Amino acid sequence: MDWKIGFSRQAERFLSRNHLPDEFVSELLAKAVRRFSGEIVALDLKRLSSDWEGFFRIRSGKKRIIFSIDMHEQKIHVEIIDFRGSAYKH
């Protein structure tokens, strides 16, 4: 079964404004899924807390991807893609 990836409006706008392909995010999310499955993968992944309880963060250079994952339904929802200074202010 394939994973379904949904993007918030903010995430889609960030990708289009910065001329980034969807593959930029999908490759990083594929690594995250492999990490959650127990595979050792080089990825800067962190579980968030406080206001972002239930979300995870991937760091890629100066960009941050904040997403939630449902392992049973095999769904990922990308909430925010933004630069480091702005990602957590949404």
N, C-alpha and C. Protein backbone atom coordinates (compact mmCIF):
# COMPACT_ATOMS: atom_id res chain seq x y z
N MET A 1 0.84 -1.19 0.00
CA MET A 1 0.00 0.00 0.00
C MET A 1 0.88 1.25 0.00
N ASP A 2 0.54 2.22 -0.81
CA ASP A 2 1.31 3.45 -0.91
C ASP A 2 0.87 4.44 0.16
N TRP A 3 1.79 5.28 0.55
CA TRP A 3 1.50 6.33 1.51
C TRP A 3 0.82 7.50 0.81
N LYS A 4 -0.13 8.10 1.51
CA LYS A 4 -0.81 9.28 0.98
C LYS A 4 -0.25 10.50 1.70
N ILE A 5 0.14 11.50 0.92
CA ILE A 5 0.71 12.72 1.48
C ILE A 5 -0.21 13.88 1.16
N GLY A 6 -0.64 14.58 2.20
CA GLY A 6 -1.46 15.77 2.03
C GLY A 6 -0.68 17.00 2.45
N PHE A 7 -0.91 18.10 1.75
CA PHE A 7 -0.22 19.35 2.04
C PHE A 7 -1.21 20.41 2.46
N SER A 8 -0.85 21.20 3.47
CA SER A 8 -1.67 22.35 3.83
C SER A 8 -1.49 23.42 2.76
N ARG A 9 -2.34 24.39 2.79
CA ARG A 9 -2.25 25.48 1.82
C ARG A 9 -0.92 26.22 1.96
N GLN A 10 -0.49 26.42 3.20
CA GLN A 10 0.78 27.12 3.45
C GLN A 10 1.94 26.34 2.86
N ALA A 11 1.95 25.02 3.03
CA ALA A 11 3.03 24.19 2.51
C ALA A 11 3.07 24.25 0.98
N GLU A 12 1.92 24.18 0.34
CA GLU A 12 1.87 24.26 -1.12
C GLU A 12 2.37 25.62 -1.62
N ARG A 13 1.99 26.69 -0.92
CA ARG A 13 2.44 28.02 -1.32
C ARG A 13 3.95 28.15 -1.16
N PHE A 14 4.51 27.60 -0.08
CA PHE A 14 5.95 27.68 0.12
C PHE A 14 6.69 26.97 -1.00
N LEU A 15 6.22 25.80 -1.37
CA LEU A 15 6.87 25.05 -2.45
C LEU A 15 6.82 25.82 -3.77
N SER A 16 5.66 26.40 -4.08
CA SER A 16 5.55 27.11 -5.36
C SER A 16 6.33 28.42 -5.35
N ARG A 17 6.31 29.16 -4.25
CA ARG A 17 7.04 30.43 -4.18
C ARG A 17 8.55 30.23 -4.25
N ASN A 18 9.03 29.13 -3.73
CA ASN A 18 10.47 28.88 -3.70
C ASN A 18 10.92 27.93 -4.80
N HIS A 19 10.02 27.64 -5.73
CA HIS A 19 10.32 26.80 -6.90
C HIS A 19 10.93 25.46 -6.49
N LEU A 20 10.34 24.85 -5.47
CA LEU A 20 10.78 23.54 -5.00
C LEU A 20 9.81 22.48 -5.51
N PRO A 21 10.31 21.39 -6.04
CA PRO A 21 9.41 20.32 -6.50
C PRO A 21 8.84 19.54 -5.31
N ASP A 22 7.68 18.92 -5.52
CA ASP A 22 7.08 18.08 -4.47
C ASP A 22 8.03 16.96 -4.07
N GLU A 23 8.90 16.55 -5.00
CA GLU A 23 9.84 15.46 -4.71
C GLU A 23 10.81 15.83 -3.60
N PHE A 24 11.08 17.13 -3.44
CA PHE A 24 11.95 17.59 -2.35
C PHE A 24 11.40 17.10 -1.01
N VAL A 25 10.09 17.26 -0.83
CA VAL A 25 9.45 16.87 0.43
C VAL A 25 9.21 15.36 0.46
N SER A 26 8.76 14.79 -0.63
CA SER A 26 8.40 13.37 -0.62
C SER A 26 9.61 12.48 -0.36
N GLU A 27 10.79 12.86 -0.83
CA GLU A 27 12.00 12.07 -0.55
C GLU A 27 12.34 12.10 0.93
N LEU A 28 12.22 13.28 1.54
CA LEU A 28 12.50 13.39 2.98
C LEU A 28 11.46 12.63 3.80
N LEU A 29 10.20 12.70 3.38
CA LEU A 29 9.16 11.97 4.10
C LEU A 29 9.32 10.46 3.95
N ALA A 30 9.80 10.02 2.79
CA ALA A 30 10.06 8.59 2.60
C ALA A 30 11.15 8.12 3.56
N LYS A 31 12.17 8.95 3.75
CA LYS A 31 13.21 8.62 4.73
C LYS A 31 12.64 8.55 6.14
N ALA A 32 11.72 9.48 6.46
CA ALA A 32 11.10 9.48 7.78
C ALA A 32 10.30 8.21 8.01
N VAL A 33 9.56 7.77 7.01
CA VAL A 33 8.78 6.53 7.13
C VAL A 33 9.71 5.35 7.37
N ARG A 34 10.83 5.32 6.64
CA ARG A 34 11.79 4.24 6.85
C ARG A 34 12.37 4.30 8.26
N ARG A 35 12.60 5.50 8.78
CA ARG A 35 13.11 5.65 10.14
C ARG A 35 12.09 5.15 11.15
N PHE A 36 10.81 5.49 10.95
CA PHE A 36 9.75 5.02 11.86
C PHE A 36 9.60 3.51 11.79
N SER A 37 9.95 2.92 10.66
CA SER A 37 9.86 1.47 10.50
C SER A 37 11.04 0.74 11.12
N GLY A 38 12.00 1.49 11.66
CA GLY A 38 13.12 0.88 12.35
C GLY A 38 14.42 0.87 11.57
N GLU A 39 14.40 1.36 10.36
CA GLU A 39 15.60 1.39 9.54
C GLU A 39 16.49 2.56 9.98
N ILE A 40 17.79 2.39 9.89
CA ILE A 40 18.72 3.46 10.23
C ILE A 40 18.92 4.33 8.99
N VAL A 41 18.48 5.58 9.10
CA VAL A 41 18.52 6.51 7.97
C VAL A 41 19.11 7.83 8.46
N ALA A 42 19.97 8.43 7.64
CA ALA A 42 20.55 9.73 7.97
C ALA A 42 19.51 10.81 7.71
N LEU A 43 18.86 11.26 8.78
CA LEU A 43 17.80 12.25 8.66
C LEU A 43 17.69 12.98 9.98
N ASP A 44 17.62 14.30 9.93
CA ASP A 44 17.45 15.10 11.14
C ASP A 44 15.95 15.19 11.43
N LEU A 45 15.48 14.27 12.26
CA LEU A 45 14.06 14.13 12.57
C LEU A 45 13.87 14.31 14.07
N LYS A 46 12.86 15.06 14.46
CA LYS A 46 12.63 15.31 15.88
C LYS A 46 11.13 15.34 16.16
N ARG A 47 10.74 14.75 17.29
CA ARG A 47 9.35 14.84 17.75
C ARG A 47 9.19 16.19 18.43
N LEU A 48 8.11 16.89 18.10
CA LEU A 48 7.87 18.21 18.68
C LEU A 48 6.98 18.09 19.91
N SER A 49 7.02 19.11 20.75
CA SER A 49 6.22 19.09 21.98
C SER A 49 5.50 20.43 22.13
N SER A 50 4.88 20.61 23.27
CA SER A 50 4.17 21.83 23.61
C SER A 50 3.02 22.09 22.62
N ASP A 51 3.02 23.22 21.95
CA ASP A 51 1.94 23.56 21.01
C ASP A 51 1.91 22.63 19.81
N TRP A 52 3.02 21.97 19.53
CA TRP A 52 3.14 21.10 18.36
C TRP A 52 3.09 19.62 18.75
N GLU A 53 2.45 19.29 19.84
CA GLU A 53 2.32 17.90 20.28
C GLU A 53 1.70 17.05 19.17
N GLY A 54 2.31 15.91 18.87
CA GLY A 54 1.81 15.02 17.84
C GLY A 54 2.41 15.27 16.46
N PHE A 55 3.28 16.27 16.37
CA PHE A 55 3.92 16.58 15.09
C PHE A 55 5.40 16.24 15.16
N PHE A 56 6.00 16.12 13.98
CA PHE A 56 7.42 15.86 13.85
C PHE A 56 8.02 16.94 12.96
N ARG A 57 9.33 17.11 13.10
CA ARG A 57 10.05 18.11 12.31
C ARG A 57 11.21 17.46 11.58
N ILE A 58 11.34 17.77 10.31
CA ILE A 58 12.52 17.38 9.53
C ILE A 58 13.28 18.66 9.22
N ARG A 59 14.58 18.62 9.46
CA ARG A 59 15.43 19.76 9.14
C ARG A 59 16.23 19.43 7.89
N SER A 60 16.16 20.31 6.91
CA SER A 60 16.92 20.16 5.68
C SER A 60 17.55 21.51 5.35
N GLY A 61 18.79 21.69 5.73
CA GLY A 61 19.44 22.99 5.55
C GLY A 61 18.74 24.02 6.40
N LYS A 62 18.29 25.11 5.79
CA LYS A 62 17.59 26.16 6.53
C LYS A 62 16.07 25.97 6.50
N LYS A 63 15.62 24.92 5.86
CA LYS A 63 14.19 24.66 5.75
C LYS A 63 13.73 23.66 6.80
N ARG A 64 12.48 23.84 7.25
CA ARG A 64 11.87 22.93 8.22
C ARG A 64 10.56 22.42 7.64
N ILE A 65 10.32 21.13 7.83
CA ILE A 65 9.08 20.50 7.41
C ILE A 65 8.41 19.97 8.67
N ILE A 66 7.24 20.48 8.98
CA ILE A 66 6.50 20.04 10.16
C ILE A 66 5.31 19.23 9.66
N PHE A 67 5.20 18.01 10.17
CA PHE A 67 4.18 17.10 9.65
C PHE A 67 3.67 16.18 10.75
N SER A 68 2.51 15.58 10.48
CA SER A 68 1.97 14.53 11.35
C SER A 68 1.88 13.26 10.51
N ILE A 69 1.92 12.14 11.20
CA ILE A 69 1.93 10.86 10.50
C ILE A 69 0.96 9.90 11.18
N ASP A 70 0.23 9.14 10.37
CA ASP A 70 -0.67 8.10 10.85
C ASP A 70 -0.18 6.79 10.25
N MET A 71 0.50 5.99 11.06
CA MET A 71 1.11 4.75 10.57
C MET A 71 0.06 3.72 10.16
N HIS A 72 -1.08 3.69 10.85
CA HIS A 72 -2.11 2.70 10.55
C HIS A 72 -2.82 3.00 9.23
N GLU A 73 -3.14 4.26 9.02
CA GLU A 73 -3.82 4.66 7.78
C GLU A 73 -2.83 4.94 6.65
N GLN A 74 -1.56 4.97 6.97
CA GLN A 74 -0.48 5.29 6.03
C GLN A 74 -0.72 6.64 5.37
N LYS A 75 -0.93 7.65 6.22
CA LYS A 75 -1.15 9.01 5.76
C LYS A 75 -0.17 9.95 6.44
N ILE A 76 0.29 10.92 5.68
CA ILE A 76 1.15 11.97 6.21
C ILE A 76 0.51 13.30 5.82
N HIS A 77 0.43 14.21 6.80
CA HIS A 77 -0.08 15.54 6.50
C HIS A 77 1.04 16.54 6.79
N VAL A 78 1.47 17.24 5.75
CA VAL A 78 2.50 18.26 5.89
C VAL A 78 1.80 19.56 6.25
N GLU A 79 2.02 20.00 7.48
CA GLU A 79 1.36 21.20 7.99
C GLU A 79 2.10 22.47 7.56
N ILE A 80 3.43 22.48 7.76
CA ILE A 80 4.21 23.68 7.49
C ILE A 80 5.52 23.31 6.81
N ILE A 81 5.87 24.07 5.80
CA ILE A 81 7.22 24.07 5.24
C ILE A 81 7.64 25.53 5.24
N ASP A 82 8.74 25.82 5.90
CA ASP A 82 9.17 27.21 5.99
C ASP A 82 10.64 27.25 6.37
N PHE A 83 11.19 28.45 6.36
CA PHE A 83 12.57 28.62 6.79
C PHE A 83 12.64 28.58 8.31
N ARG A 84 13.80 28.31 8.80
CA ARG A 84 14.05 28.05 10.22
C ARG A 84 13.40 29.09 11.14
N GLY A 85 13.58 30.36 10.87
CA GLY A 85 13.09 31.40 11.76
C GLY A 85 11.58 31.54 11.80
N SER A 86 10.91 31.11 10.77
CA SER A 86 9.46 31.33 10.67
C SER A 86 8.63 30.08 10.86
N ALA A 87 9.22 28.92 10.84
CA ALA A 87 8.46 27.67 10.81
C ALA A 87 7.58 27.47 12.03
N TYR A 88 8.03 27.88 13.19
CA TYR A 88 7.29 27.59 14.42
C TYR A 88 6.34 28.71 14.83
N LYS A 89 6.27 29.77 14.05
CA LYS A 89 5.44 30.92 14.40
C LYS A 89 4.04 30.87 13.82
N HIS A 90 3.72 29.84 13.07
CA HIS A 90 2.42 29.76 12.38
C HIS A 90 1.32 29.37 13.33
